Structures are given as structure tokens and as C-alpha cells.
């Protein structure tokens, strides 16, 4: 295995560990993982946030916001 492959596996393992641990919010963990691969040089810095404008990403973000709003309103309980 090459050094970049080992680095990405370490970042993935750390990300999954933090997701399972559940102490930090998932969006913070995801941004930390993105920053780790940018700092490691696996993704160029100018392309790191370029994919956030895709419709699928916006749809997922909208679903997360709507589900939190429904949960906070007490409609589910």
C-alpha cells in the first residue's frame, strides 16, 4: 500500500470511530475528515468545497433540517 492509501484508511477509520462514539455531531466529524484529507494533500484545497452545490447534497441537507424541525416541534412525540 502507498502512503496516501494508508492515510485515507486512517482518516476513514477515525471518522467511523467518531461517528460510532457519537460524542461530536456528525457534521463536525465530516468537516474534520474533509479538512484532514485537504491538509494531507489528497484533495486540492480549491476543490474541497466545490461539490456542495450539487442537488443531492442540498436535498440531504434540507431533509436533515426538516427532520430536526419536526423533532423539535414535538410532532413525533
Protein backbone atom coordinates (compact mmCIF):
# COMPACT_ATOMS: atom_id res chain seq x y z
CA UNK A 1 0.00 0.00 0.00
CA UNK A 2 1.11 3.52 -0.71
CA UNK A 3 1.32 6.32 1.84
CA UNK A 4 -1.81 8.13 0.52
CA UNK A 5 -3.79 4.90 0.74
CA UNK A 6 -2.72 4.33 4.33
CA UNK A 7 -3.53 7.95 5.16
CA UNK A 8 -7.04 7.72 3.71
CA UNK A 9 -7.71 4.47 5.60
CA UNK A 10 -6.59 6.11 8.84
CA UNK A 11 -8.88 9.08 8.18
CA UNK A 12 -11.78 6.74 7.37
CA UNK A 13 -11.18 4.66 10.50
CA UNK A 14 -11.02 7.78 12.66
CA UNK A 15 -14.17 9.16 11.05
CA UNK A 16 -16.11 5.94 11.58
CA UNK A 17 -14.87 5.75 15.16
CA UNK A 18 -16.05 9.28 15.87
CA UNK A 19 -19.42 8.55 14.21
CA UNK A 20 -19.91 5.45 16.37
CA UNK A 21 -18.71 7.20 19.53
CA UNK A 22 -21.38 9.83 18.98
CA UNK A 23 -19.88 12.49 21.23
CA UNK A 24 -19.45 15.02 18.42
CA UNK A 25 -22.07 15.98 15.87
CA UNK A 26 -21.87 14.16 12.56
CA UNK A 27 -21.47 17.35 10.53
CA UNK A 28 -18.45 18.40 12.62
CA UNK A 29 -16.90 14.95 12.18
CA UNK A 30 -17.47 15.06 8.42
CA UNK A 31 -15.89 18.51 8.12
CA UNK A 32 -12.91 17.37 10.20
CA UNK A 33 -12.46 14.41 7.85
CA UNK A 34 -12.63 16.72 4.83
CA UNK A 35 -10.08 19.06 6.38
CA UNK A 36 -7.82 16.11 7.20
CA UNK A 37 -7.67 14.96 3.59
CA UNK A 38 -7.14 18.54 2.37
CA UNK A 39 -4.30 19.07 4.85
CA UNK A 40 -2.89 15.68 3.86
CA UNK A 41 -2.83 16.77 0.23
CA UNK A 42 -5.22 14.13 -1.08
CA UNK A 43 -7.76 16.70 -2.26
CA UNK A 44 -6.70 20.09 -3.63
CA UNK A 45 -7.88 22.94 -1.43
CA UNK A 46 -9.63 24.73 -4.30
CA UNK A 47 -11.80 21.65 -4.96
CA UNK A 48 -12.59 20.74 -1.35
CA UNK A 49 -15.93 22.53 -1.15
CA UNK A 50 -16.83 22.65 -4.84
CA UNK A 51 -19.27 19.70 -4.69
CA UNK A 52 -21.54 21.17 -2.01
CA UNK A 53 -23.66 22.84 -4.70
CA UNK A 54 -24.90 19.57 -6.17
CA UNK A 55 -28.67 18.96 -5.91
CA UNK A 56 -28.22 15.69 -3.98
CA UNK A 57 -26.16 17.41 -1.28
CA UNK A 58 -28.70 20.22 -0.98
CA UNK A 59 -31.54 17.66 -0.77
CA UNK A 60 -29.84 15.75 2.05
CA UNK A 61 -29.19 18.98 3.94
CA UNK A 62 -32.84 20.02 3.50
CA UNK A 63 -34.07 16.64 4.79
CA UNK A 64 -31.83 16.94 7.85
CA UNK A 65 -33.10 20.46 8.60
CA UNK A 66 -36.75 19.45 8.14
CA UNK A 67 -36.39 16.33 10.29
CA UNK A 68 -34.77 18.37 13.10
CA UNK A 69 -37.56 20.94 12.89
CA UNK A 70 -40.21 18.22 13.14
CA UNK A 71 -38.38 16.64 16.08
CA UNK A 72 -38.03 19.96 17.91
CA UNK A 73 -41.69 20.83 17.34
CA UNK A 74 -42.80 17.78 19.30
CA UNK A 75 -44.83 16.35 16.41
CA UNK A 76 -43.05 12.99 16.58
CA UNK A 77 -43.51 12.54 20.34
